[in-house]
Amino acid sequence: MKNGKTNAVVPTAGQDHIQGPIEAPFQLVEYGDFQCPFCGEAYEVVKQIQESLGGKLCFAFRNFPLTDMHPYAEHAAEAAEAADAQGRFWDMHDTLFENQNALEDEDLAEYAEELGLDAKRLIHDIRSGAHSARIQNDYRSGEENGVNGTPTFFVNGTLFEGEPTAEELIAALTERTE
């Protein structure tokens, strides 16, 4: 944060994991942690928002693993990025949030197999930190924009400070500010 204000945080093609059209009128960016129970709740909320707004929403996910509190968060983020390297980020993203209580390396390998990924390659990527630079870039951008916990949402470029319910986020997304 600079001078008490955050920069506009919007989905960036080629940098972010994005669902929906980049030119959509409503933009939602989440900084999340795959082991965070509040992010698990937010996962369901985002699904509701996506269903409600459809092609009018561009959603981006950025990694913000809180390793001091969540010992498996870093490897889960690595697994998502390793799945991305095999073209399946969103499938792994969903699987990790749907199985938050089982995020050890053996579990991650099992999820990779279930998704039809090269599990040996995925585990090698995790253990070697092959995607750690990507995760650190997400984390650093979060810190620069005032993120200090998860989930943190940016709605149409602005830090969302309300209760992250579907109703509150949809209201914030669709509110017209000129």
N, C-alpha and C. Protein backbone atom coordinates (compact mmCIF):
# COMPACT_ATOMS: atom_id res chain seq x y z
N MET A 1 0.83 -1.17 0.00
CA MET A 1 0.00 0.00 0.00
C MET A 1 0.88 1.23 0.00
N LYS A 2 0.55 2.15 -0.84
CA LYS A 2 1.30 3.39 -0.92
C LYS A 2 0.36 4.54 -0.55
N ASN A 3 0.78 5.38 0.39
CA ASN A 3 -0.03 6.52 0.82
C ASN A 3 -1.44 6.11 1.25
N GLY A 4 -1.56 4.91 1.86
CA GLY A 4 -2.84 4.46 2.36
C GLY A 4 -3.81 4.00 1.28
N LYS A 5 -3.40 3.95 0.03
CA LYS A 5 -4.29 3.52 -1.06
C LYS A 5 -3.67 2.33 -1.78
N THR A 6 -4.53 1.45 -2.24
CA THR A 6 -4.04 0.33 -3.02
C THR A 6 -4.09 0.70 -4.50
N ASN A 7 -3.25 0.04 -5.26
CA ASN A 7 -3.29 0.19 -6.71
C ASN A 7 -4.54 -0.54 -7.22
N ALA A 8 -4.99 -0.23 -8.41
CA ALA A 8 -6.10 -0.98 -9.00
C ALA A 8 -5.61 -2.40 -9.24
N VAL A 9 -6.33 -3.36 -8.71
CA VAL A 9 -5.96 -4.76 -8.85
C VAL A 9 -7.02 -5.41 -9.73
N VAL A 10 -6.65 -5.68 -10.98
CA VAL A 10 -7.56 -6.26 -11.96
C VAL A 10 -6.92 -7.48 -12.59
N PRO A 11 -7.73 -8.39 -13.13
CA PRO A 11 -7.17 -9.56 -13.80
C PRO A 11 -6.24 -9.14 -14.94
N THR A 12 -5.11 -9.84 -15.02
CA THR A 12 -4.11 -9.53 -16.04
C THR A 12 -3.88 -10.76 -16.91
N ALA A 13 -4.23 -10.65 -18.17
CA ALA A 13 -4.01 -11.76 -19.12
C ALA A 13 -2.53 -12.10 -19.18
N GLY A 14 -2.24 -13.38 -19.22
CA GLY A 14 -0.86 -13.83 -19.30
C GLY A 14 -0.16 -13.88 -17.95
N GLN A 15 -0.77 -13.32 -16.93
CA GLN A 15 -0.18 -13.33 -15.59
C GLN A 15 -1.06 -14.12 -14.62
N ASP A 16 -2.36 -13.90 -14.70
CA ASP A 16 -3.29 -14.50 -13.76
C ASP A 16 -3.95 -15.75 -14.32
N HIS A 17 -4.47 -16.56 -13.39
CA HIS A 17 -5.35 -17.66 -13.75
C HIS A 17 -6.74 -17.02 -13.84
N ILE A 18 -7.34 -17.09 -15.01
CA ILE A 18 -8.58 -16.34 -15.27
C ILE A 18 -9.68 -17.27 -15.76
N GLN A 19 -10.88 -17.02 -15.23
CA GLN A 19 -12.09 -17.64 -15.75
C GLN A 19 -13.01 -16.51 -16.19
N GLY A 20 -13.56 -16.64 -17.37
CA GLY A 20 -14.43 -15.60 -17.92
C GLY A 20 -13.64 -14.68 -18.83
N PRO A 21 -14.37 -13.89 -19.61
CA PRO A 21 -13.69 -13.01 -20.57
C PRO A 21 -12.95 -11.86 -19.87
N ILE A 22 -11.72 -11.63 -20.28
CA ILE A 22 -10.90 -10.57 -19.69
C ILE A 22 -11.57 -9.20 -19.84
N GLU A 23 -12.37 -9.02 -20.87
CA GLU A 23 -13.03 -7.73 -21.10
C GLU A 23 -14.39 -7.65 -20.41
N ALA A 24 -14.72 -8.62 -19.55
CA ALA A 24 -16.01 -8.62 -18.85
C ALA A 24 -16.19 -7.33 -18.05
N PRO A 25 -17.43 -6.86 -17.92
CA PRO A 25 -17.67 -5.61 -17.19
C PRO A 25 -17.41 -5.70 -15.69
N PHE A 26 -17.47 -6.92 -15.13
CA PHE A 26 -17.25 -7.09 -13.69
C PHE A 26 -16.00 -7.93 -13.48
N GLN A 27 -15.13 -7.45 -12.59
CA GLN A 27 -13.84 -8.12 -12.37
C GLN A 27 -13.65 -8.41 -10.89
N LEU A 28 -13.29 -9.66 -10.62
CA LEU A 28 -13.08 -10.12 -9.24
C LEU A 28 -11.74 -10.81 -9.17
N VAL A 29 -10.89 -10.34 -8.28
CA VAL A 29 -9.58 -10.96 -8.06
C VAL A 29 -9.56 -11.46 -6.62
N GLU A 30 -9.16 -12.73 -6.46
CA GLU A 30 -9.04 -13.30 -5.12
C GLU A 30 -7.59 -13.66 -4.85
N TYR A 31 -7.11 -13.26 -3.67
CA TYR A 31 -5.86 -13.77 -3.13
C TYR A 31 -6.27 -14.85 -2.15
N GLY A 32 -5.84 -16.09 -2.43
CA GLY A 32 -6.30 -17.20 -1.62
C GLY A 32 -5.23 -18.19 -1.24
N ASP A 33 -5.60 -19.03 -0.28
CA ASP A 33 -4.75 -20.06 0.30
C ASP A 33 -5.58 -21.35 0.27
N PHE A 34 -5.08 -22.38 -0.37
CA PHE A 34 -5.84 -23.61 -0.54
C PHE A 34 -6.16 -24.33 0.77
N GLN A 35 -5.41 -24.07 1.83
CA GLN A 35 -5.68 -24.73 3.11
C GLN A 35 -6.54 -23.88 4.03
N CYS A 36 -6.76 -22.63 3.71
CA CYS A 36 -7.52 -21.71 4.55
C CYS A 36 -9.01 -22.08 4.55
N PRO A 37 -9.60 -22.35 5.72
CA PRO A 37 -11.02 -22.71 5.74
C PRO A 37 -11.93 -21.58 5.26
N PHE A 38 -11.54 -20.34 5.47
CA PHE A 38 -12.34 -19.21 4.99
C PHE A 38 -12.30 -19.13 3.46
N CYS A 39 -11.15 -19.52 2.89
CA CYS A 39 -11.05 -19.58 1.42
C CYS A 39 -11.91 -20.72 0.88
N GLY A 40 -12.01 -21.79 1.65
CA GLY A 40 -12.89 -22.88 1.26
C GLY A 40 -14.33 -22.42 1.17
N GLU A 41 -14.75 -21.59 2.13
CA GLU A 41 -16.10 -21.02 2.10
C GLU A 41 -16.22 -20.06 0.91
N ALA A 42 -15.19 -19.27 0.69
CA ALA A 42 -15.20 -18.30 -0.41
C ALA A 42 -15.25 -19.00 -1.76
N TYR A 43 -14.67 -20.18 -1.86
CA TYR A 43 -14.71 -20.97 -3.10
C TYR A 43 -16.16 -21.19 -3.52
N GLU A 44 -17.00 -21.56 -2.56
CA GLU A 44 -18.42 -21.78 -2.86
C GLU A 44 -19.10 -20.47 -3.25
N VAL A 45 -18.73 -19.39 -2.58
CA VAL A 45 -19.29 -18.06 -2.87
C VAL A 45 -18.94 -17.65 -4.30
N VAL A 46 -17.68 -17.84 -4.69
CA VAL A 46 -17.25 -17.47 -6.05
C VAL A 46 -18.04 -18.27 -7.08
N LYS A 47 -18.25 -19.55 -6.82
CA LYS A 47 -19.03 -20.38 -7.75
C LYS A 47 -20.44 -19.80 -7.91
N GLN A 48 -21.05 -19.37 -6.80
CA GLN A 48 -22.39 -18.76 -6.87
C GLN A 48 -22.37 -17.47 -7.70
N ILE A 49 -21.33 -16.66 -7.49
CA ILE A 49 -21.21 -15.40 -8.23
C ILE A 49 -21.03 -15.69 -9.73
N GLN A 50 -20.19 -16.66 -10.04
CA GLN A 50 -19.97 -17.01 -11.45
C GLN A 50 -21.27 -17.50 -12.09
N GLU A 51 -22.04 -18.27 -11.36
CA GLU A 51 -23.31 -18.76 -11.89
C GLU A 51 -24.27 -17.59 -12.11
N SER A 52 -24.28 -16.67 -11.19
CA SER A 52 -25.19 -15.52 -11.26
C SER A 52 -24.82 -14.55 -12.39
N LEU A 53 -23.53 -14.24 -12.52
CA LEU A 53 -23.10 -13.21 -13.47
C LEU A 53 -22.66 -13.78 -14.82
N GLY A 54 -22.38 -15.07 -14.88
CA GLY A 54 -22.01 -15.72 -16.14
C GLY A 54 -20.87 -15.01 -16.86
N GLY A 55 -21.06 -14.77 -18.15
CA GLY A 55 -20.03 -14.17 -18.99
C GLY A 55 -19.75 -12.70 -18.72
N LYS A 56 -20.46 -12.12 -17.75
CA LYS A 56 -20.20 -10.73 -17.39
C LYS A 56 -19.12 -10.60 -16.32
N LEU A 57 -18.59 -11.76 -15.86
CA LEU A 57 -17.59 -11.76 -14.79
C LEU A 57 -16.26 -12.31 -15.29
N CYS A 58 -15.20 -11.59 -14.95
CA CYS A 58 -13.84 -12.10 -15.12
C CYS A 58 -13.30 -12.33 -13.72
N PHE A 59 -13.00 -13.59 -13.40
CA PHE A 59 -12.48 -13.97 -12.08
C PHE A 59 -11.03 -14.40 -12.21
N ALA A 60 -10.19 -13.87 -11.33
CA ALA A 60 -8.77 -14.26 -11.31
C ALA A 60 -8.41 -14.74 -9.91
N PHE A 61 -7.60 -15.78 -9.86
CA PHE A 61 -7.12 -16.32 -8.58
C PHE A 61 -5.62 -16.12 -8.50
N ARG A 62 -5.17 -15.60 -7.36
CA ARG A 62 -3.73 -15.44 -7.08
C ARG A 62 -3.39 -16.16 -5.78
N ASN A 63 -2.24 -16.80 -5.77
CA ASN A 63 -1.80 -17.56 -4.60
C ASN A 63 -1.32 -16.63 -3.49
N PHE A 64 -1.78 -16.92 -2.28
CA PHE A 64 -1.32 -16.19 -1.10
C PHE A 64 -1.25 -17.18 0.06
N PRO A 65 -0.33 -18.18 -0.04
CA PRO A 65 -0.27 -19.21 1.00
C PRO A 65 0.24 -18.65 2.33
N LEU A 66 -0.54 -18.87 3.37
CA LEU A 66 -0.17 -18.42 4.72
C LEU A 66 0.53 -19.57 5.43
N THR A 67 1.80 -19.74 5.11
CA THR A 67 2.55 -20.91 5.54
C THR A 67 2.76 -20.98 7.05
N ASP A 68 2.71 -19.86 7.75
CA ASP A 68 2.86 -19.88 9.20
C ASP A 68 1.68 -20.59 9.86
N MET A 69 0.51 -20.48 9.26
CA MET A 69 -0.70 -21.09 9.83
C MET A 69 -1.11 -22.37 9.13
N HIS A 70 -0.74 -22.50 7.87
CA HIS A 70 -1.20 -23.63 7.06
C HIS A 70 0.00 -24.37 6.46
N PRO A 71 0.44 -25.43 7.11
CA PRO A 71 1.67 -26.11 6.68
C PRO A 71 1.61 -26.74 5.29
N TYR A 72 0.42 -27.01 4.76
CA TYR A 72 0.31 -27.63 3.45
C TYR A 72 -0.01 -26.63 2.34
N ALA A 73 -0.18 -25.38 2.69
CA ALA A 73 -0.60 -24.36 1.73
C ALA A 73 0.40 -24.17 0.59
N GLU A 74 1.67 -24.16 0.91
CA GLU A 74 2.69 -23.94 -0.12
C GLU A 74 2.70 -25.08 -1.14
N HIS A 75 2.68 -26.31 -0.67
CA HIS A 75 2.69 -27.44 -1.60
C HIS A 75 1.39 -27.51 -2.39
N ALA A 76 0.29 -27.12 -1.77
CA ALA A 76 -0.98 -27.09 -2.51
C ALA A 76 -0.91 -26.06 -3.63
N ALA A 77 -0.35 -24.89 -3.33
CA ALA A 77 -0.18 -23.86 -4.38
C ALA A 77 0.75 -24.38 -5.47
N GLU A 78 1.83 -25.05 -5.07
CA GLU A 78 2.75 -25.64 -6.05
C GLU A 78 2.02 -26.67 -6.92
N ALA A 79 1.12 -27.46 -6.30
CA ALA A 79 0.38 -28.47 -7.05
C ALA A 79 -0.53 -27.80 -8.09
N ALA A 80 -1.18 -26.71 -7.70
CA ALA A 80 -2.04 -26.00 -8.64
C ALA A 80 -1.22 -25.46 -9.81
N GLU A 81 -0.06 -24.91 -9.50
CA GLU A 81 0.79 -24.37 -10.56
C GLU A 81 1.38 -25.49 -11.42
N ALA A 82 1.72 -26.62 -10.80
CA ALA A 82 2.22 -27.76 -11.57
C ALA A 82 1.12 -28.30 -12.48
N ALA A 83 -0.12 -28.29 -11.99
CA ALA A 83 -1.25 -28.70 -12.83
C ALA A 83 -1.43 -27.71 -13.98
N ASP A 84 -1.21 -26.43 -13.70
CA ASP A 84 -1.29 -25.41 -14.75
C ASP A 84 -0.28 -25.71 -15.86
N ALA A 85 0.91 -26.15 -15.47
CA ALA A 85 1.95 -26.48 -16.46
C ALA A 85 1.50 -27.63 -17.35
N GLN A 86 0.51 -28.40 -16.88
CA GLN A 86 -0.06 -29.49 -17.67
C GLN A 86 -1.45 -29.12 -18.20
N GLY A 87 -1.78 -27.84 -18.13
CA GLY A 87 -3.02 -27.34 -18.72
C GLY A 87 -4.28 -27.56 -17.90
N ARG A 88 -4.14 -27.78 -16.58
CA ARG A 88 -5.32 -28.12 -15.78
C ARG A 88 -5.39 -27.36 -14.45
N PHE A 89 -5.02 -26.08 -14.44
CA PHE A 89 -5.04 -25.31 -13.19
C PHE A 89 -6.41 -25.35 -12.51
N TRP A 90 -7.46 -25.01 -13.25
CA TRP A 90 -8.77 -24.87 -12.62
C TRP A 90 -9.30 -26.19 -12.08
N ASP A 91 -8.97 -27.29 -12.74
CA ASP A 91 -9.39 -28.59 -12.21
C ASP A 91 -8.71 -28.87 -10.87
N MET A 92 -7.42 -28.57 -10.79
CA MET A 92 -6.70 -28.79 -9.53
C MET A 92 -7.16 -27.78 -8.48
N HIS A 93 -7.36 -26.54 -8.87
CA HIS A 93 -7.88 -25.50 -7.97
C HIS A 93 -9.14 -26.01 -7.27
N ASP A 94 -10.09 -26.48 -8.06
CA ASP A 94 -11.35 -26.95 -7.51
C ASP A 94 -11.14 -28.17 -6.61
N THR A 95 -10.33 -29.11 -7.07
CA THR A 95 -10.06 -30.32 -6.29
C THR A 95 -9.44 -29.99 -4.95
N LEU A 96 -8.49 -29.06 -4.92
CA LEU A 96 -7.84 -28.69 -3.67
C LEU A 96 -8.83 -28.07 -2.69
N PHE A 97 -9.67 -27.17 -3.17
CA PHE A 97 -10.66 -26.56 -2.28
C PHE A 97 -11.70 -27.56 -1.82
N GLU A 98 -12.02 -28.52 -2.65
CA GLU A 98 -13.02 -29.53 -2.28
C GLU A 98 -12.45 -30.61 -1.37
N ASN A 99 -11.13 -30.61 -1.18
CA ASN A 99 -10.46 -31.62 -0.34
C ASN A 99 -9.45 -30.96 0.60
N GLN A 100 -9.84 -29.85 1.22
CA GLN A 100 -8.90 -29.08 2.04
C GLN A 100 -8.31 -29.85 3.22
N ASN A 101 -8.96 -30.89 3.66
CA ASN A 101 -8.46 -31.64 4.81
C ASN A 101 -7.47 -32.73 4.41
N ALA A 102 -7.13 -32.80 3.14
CA ALA A 102 -6.20 -33.82 2.66
C ALA A 102 -5.28 -33.19 1.61
N LEU A 103 -4.23 -32.52 2.10
CA LEU A 103 -3.33 -31.80 1.20
C LEU A 103 -1.87 -32.21 1.34
N GLU A 104 -1.64 -33.41 1.84
CA GLU A 104 -0.26 -33.89 1.90
C GLU A 104 0.17 -34.32 0.50
N ASP A 105 1.47 -34.47 0.30
CA ASP A 105 1.99 -34.79 -1.03
C ASP A 105 1.34 -36.04 -1.64
N GLU A 106 1.08 -37.06 -0.81
CA GLU A 106 0.44 -38.27 -1.32
C GLU A 106 -0.95 -37.96 -1.86
N ASP A 107 -1.67 -37.08 -1.16
CA ASP A 107 -3.00 -36.68 -1.62
C ASP A 107 -2.90 -35.93 -2.94
N LEU A 108 -1.92 -35.04 -3.04
CA LEU A 108 -1.74 -34.24 -4.25
C LEU A 108 -1.45 -35.14 -5.45
N ALA A 109 -0.63 -36.17 -5.22
CA ALA A 109 -0.33 -37.12 -6.30
C ALA A 109 -1.59 -37.87 -6.72
N GLU A 110 -2.41 -38.25 -5.74
CA GLU A 110 -3.67 -38.94 -6.03
C GLU A 110 -4.60 -38.05 -6.85
N TYR A 111 -4.69 -36.77 -6.49
CA TYR A 111 -5.54 -35.85 -7.25
C TYR A 111 -5.04 -35.71 -8.68
N ALA A 112 -3.72 -35.64 -8.82
CA ALA A 112 -3.13 -35.53 -10.17
C ALA A 112 -3.54 -36.73 -11.01
N GLU A 113 -3.44 -37.92 -10.43
CA GLU A 113 -3.83 -39.13 -11.17
C GLU A 113 -5.30 -39.10 -11.53
N GLU A 114 -6.15 -38.70 -10.56
CA GLU A 114 -7.59 -38.63 -10.82
C GLU A 114 -7.92 -37.65 -11.95
N LEU A 115 -7.11 -36.61 -12.07
CA LEU A 115 -7.34 -35.60 -13.11
C LEU A 115 -6.67 -35.96 -14.44
N GLY A 116 -5.98 -37.10 -14.46
CA GLY A 116 -5.32 -37.53 -15.69
C GLY A 116 -4.01 -36.81 -15.96
N LEU A 117 -3.41 -36.27 -14.90
CA LEU A 117 -2.14 -35.57 -15.05
C LEU A 117 -0.98 -36.53 -14.84
N ASP A 118 0.20 -36.12 -15.20
CA ASP A 118 1.42 -36.87 -14.92
C ASP A 118 1.78 -36.62 -13.46
N ALA A 119 1.38 -37.55 -12.60
CA ALA A 119 1.55 -37.38 -11.15
C ALA A 119 3.02 -37.31 -10.75
N LYS A 120 3.88 -38.10 -11.38
CA LYS A 120 5.31 -38.05 -11.03
C LYS A 120 5.89 -36.68 -11.35
N ARG A 121 5.53 -36.15 -12.49
CA ARG A 121 5.99 -34.81 -12.88
C ARG A 121 5.46 -33.77 -11.89
N LEU A 122 4.18 -33.88 -11.51
CA LEU A 122 3.59 -32.93 -10.58
C LEU A 122 4.33 -32.95 -9.24
N ILE A 123 4.57 -34.14 -8.71
CA ILE A 123 5.27 -34.24 -7.42
C ILE A 123 6.70 -33.75 -7.54
N HIS A 124 7.36 -34.05 -8.65
CA HIS A 124 8.71 -33.53 -8.86
C HIS A 124 8.68 -32.00 -8.86
N ASP A 125 7.72 -31.41 -9.58
CA ASP A 125 7.60 -29.95 -9.62
C ASP A 125 7.38 -29.37 -8.23
N ILE A 126 6.52 -30.02 -7.44
CA ILE A 126 6.23 -29.54 -6.08
C ILE A 126 7.51 -29.57 -5.24
N ARG A 127 8.15 -30.72 -5.20
CA ARG A 127 9.31 -30.90 -4.32
C ARG A 127 10.51 -30.07 -4.75
N SER A 128 10.61 -29.77 -6.05
CA SER A 128 11.74 -28.97 -6.52
C SER A 128 11.44 -27.47 -6.46
N GLY A 129 10.19 -27.12 -6.14
CA GLY A 129 9.82 -25.70 -6.12
C GLY A 129 9.82 -25.09 -7.50
N ALA A 130 9.48 -25.90 -8.50
CA ALA A 130 9.55 -25.46 -9.90
C ALA A 130 8.71 -24.22 -10.17
N HIS A 131 7.67 -24.01 -9.40
CA HIS A 131 6.76 -22.89 -9.65
C HIS A 131 6.76 -21.88 -8.50
N SER A 132 7.76 -21.96 -7.65
CA SER A 132 7.79 -21.07 -6.48
C SER A 132 7.90 -19.60 -6.87
N ALA A 133 8.57 -19.29 -7.97
CA ALA A 133 8.68 -17.88 -8.38
C ALA A 133 7.30 -17.31 -8.70
N ARG A 134 6.47 -18.10 -9.36
CA ARG A 134 5.11 -17.66 -9.69
C ARG A 134 4.31 -17.39 -8.41
N ILE A 135 4.42 -18.30 -7.47
CA ILE A 135 3.69 -18.16 -6.20
C ILE A 135 4.20 -16.94 -5.44
N GLN A 136 5.50 -16.76 -5.42
CA GLN A 136 6.07 -15.60 -4.72
C GLN A 136 5.67 -14.29 -5.40
N ASN A 137 5.58 -14.28 -6.73
CA ASN A 137 5.13 -13.07 -7.43
C ASN A 137 3.70 -12.73 -7.03
N ASP A 138 2.82 -13.74 -6.97
CA ASP A 138 1.44 -13.50 -6.51
C ASP A 138 1.45 -12.95 -5.10
N TYR A 139 2.22 -13.59 -4.24
CA TYR A 139 2.27 -13.20 -2.82
C TYR A 139 2.77 -11.76 -2.68
N ARG A 140 3.84 -11.47 -3.38
CA ARG A 140 4.43 -10.13 -3.32
C ARG A 140 3.44 -9.07 -3.82
N SER A 141 2.72 -9.38 -4.90
CA SER A 141 1.74 -8.42 -5.41
C SER A 141 0.63 -8.20 -4.39
N GLY A 142 0.28 -9.25 -3.68
CA GLY A 142 -0.72 -9.11 -2.62
C GLY A 142 -0.22 -8.19 -1.51
N GLU A 143 0.99 -8.43 -1.06
CA GLU A 143 1.56 -7.57 -0.01
C GLU A 143 1.61 -6.11 -0.46
N GLU A 144 2.01 -5.89 -1.70
CA GLU A 144 2.10 -4.53 -2.24
C GLU A 144 0.74 -3.84 -2.30
N ASN A 145 -0.32 -4.64 -2.32
CA ASN A 145 -1.67 -4.09 -2.43
C ASN A 145 -2.47 -4.22 -1.13
N GLY A 146 -1.77 -4.42 -0.03
CA GLY A 146 -2.42 -4.40 1.28
C GLY A 146 -3.04 -5.70 1.74
N VAL A 147 -2.78 -6.81 1.04
CA VAL A 147 -3.32 -8.09 1.46
C VAL A 147 -2.53 -8.57 2.67
N ASN A 148 -3.26 -8.96 3.73
CA ASN A 148 -2.58 -9.51 4.90
C ASN A 148 -3.29 -10.72 5.45
N GLY A 149 -4.29 -11.20 4.74
CA GLY A 149 -5.01 -12.40 5.13
C GLY A 149 -5.77 -12.95 3.94
N THR A 150 -6.37 -14.13 4.15
CA THR A 150 -7.12 -14.76 3.06
C THR A 150 -8.49 -15.16 3.55
N PRO A 151 -9.45 -15.15 2.66
CA PRO A 151 -9.37 -14.64 1.30
C PRO A 151 -9.44 -13.11 1.29
N THR A 152 -8.78 -12.51 0.35
CA THR A 152 -8.90 -11.07 0.11
C THR A 152 -9.36 -10.89 -1.32
N PHE A 153 -10.40 -10.09 -1.49
CA PHE A 153 -10.97 -9.84 -2.80
C PHE A 153 -10.77 -8.40 -3.24
N PHE A 154 -10.58 -8.24 -4.53
CA PHE A 154 -10.59 -6.93 -5.17
C PHE A 154 -11.74 -6.95 -6.16
N VAL A 155 -12.64 -5.99 -6.03
CA VAL A 155 -13.83 -5.90 -6.85
C VAL A 155 -13.67 -4.73 -7.80
N ASN A 156 -13.66 -5.03 -9.08
CA ASN A 156 -13.50 -3.99 -10.11
C ASN A 156 -12.30 -3.09 -9.79
N GLY A 157 -11.22 -3.71 -9.30
CA GLY A 157 -9.97 -3.00 -9.06
C GLY A 157 -9.78 -2.47 -7.66
N THR A 158 -10.83 -2.54 -6.81
CA THR A 158 -10.77 -1.93 -5.49
C THR A 158 -10.86 -3.00 -4.40
N LEU A 159 -10.09 -2.82 -3.34
CA LEU A 159 -10.12 -3.73 -2.21
C LEU A 159 -11.54 -3.82 -1.65
N PHE A 160 -12.03 -5.04 -1.51
CA PHE A 160 -13.37 -5.28 -0.95
C PHE A 160 -13.21 -5.47 0.55
N GLU A 161 -13.94 -4.68 1.32
CA GLU A 161 -13.78 -4.74 2.77
C GLU A 161 -15.03 -5.22 3.49
N GLY A 162 -16.03 -5.70 2.76
CA GLY A 162 -17.25 -6.19 3.38
C GLY A 162 -17.19 -7.67 3.70
N GLU A 163 -18.33 -8.21 4.05
CA GLU A 163 -18.46 -9.64 4.31
C GLU A 163 -18.48 -10.35 2.96
N PRO A 164 -17.57 -11.31 2.74
CA PRO A 164 -17.49 -11.95 1.42
C PRO A 164 -18.59 -12.99 1.18
N THR A 165 -19.83 -12.51 1.16
CA THR A 165 -20.95 -13.37 0.79
C THR A 165 -21.25 -13.13 -0.69
N ALA A 166 -21.98 -14.04 -1.29
CA ALA A 166 -22.34 -13.87 -2.70
C ALA A 166 -23.13 -12.58 -2.88
N GLU A 167 -24.06 -12.33 -1.98
CA GLU A 167 -24.90 -11.14 -2.10
C GLU A 167 -24.07 -9.86 -2.02
N GLU A 168 -23.18 -9.79 -1.04
CA GLU A 168 -22.36 -8.58 -0.85
C GLU A 168 -21.39 -8.38 -2.02
N LEU A 169 -20.77 -9.44 -2.47
CA LEU A 169 -19.82 -9.31 -3.57
C LEU A 169 -20.53 -8.97 -4.88
N ILE A 170 -21.68 -9.58 -5.13
CA ILE A 170 -22.43 -9.24 -6.36
C ILE A 170 -22.87 -7.78 -6.31
N ALA A 171 -23.34 -7.34 -5.15
CA ALA A 171 -23.75 -5.93 -5.02
C ALA A 171 -22.57 -5.01 -5.31
N ALA A 172 -21.40 -5.33 -4.76
CA ALA A 172 -20.22 -4.50 -4.99
C ALA A 172 -19.79 -4.56 -6.45
N LEU A 173 -19.84 -5.74 -7.06
CA LEU A 173 -19.44 -5.88 -8.45
C LEU A 173 -20.34 -5.09 -9.40
N THR A 174 -21.63 -5.11 -9.15
CA THR A 174 -22.58 -4.51 -10.08
C THR A 174 -22.88 -3.04 -9.77
N GLU A 175 -22.36 -2.55 -8.66
CA GLU A 175 -22.54 -1.13 -8.31
C GLU A 175 -21.77 -0.29 -9.31
N ARG A 176 -22.42 0.71 -9.86
CA ARG A 176 -21.75 1.57 -10.84
C ARG A 176 -21.09 2.75 -10.13
N THR A 177 -19.78 2.82 -10.28
CA THR A 177 -19.04 3.97 -9.75
C THR A 177 -18.37 4.65 -10.92
N GLU A 178 -18.72 5.85 -11.11
CA GLU A 178 -18.16 6.61 -12.25
C GLU A 178 -17.07 7.52 -11.75
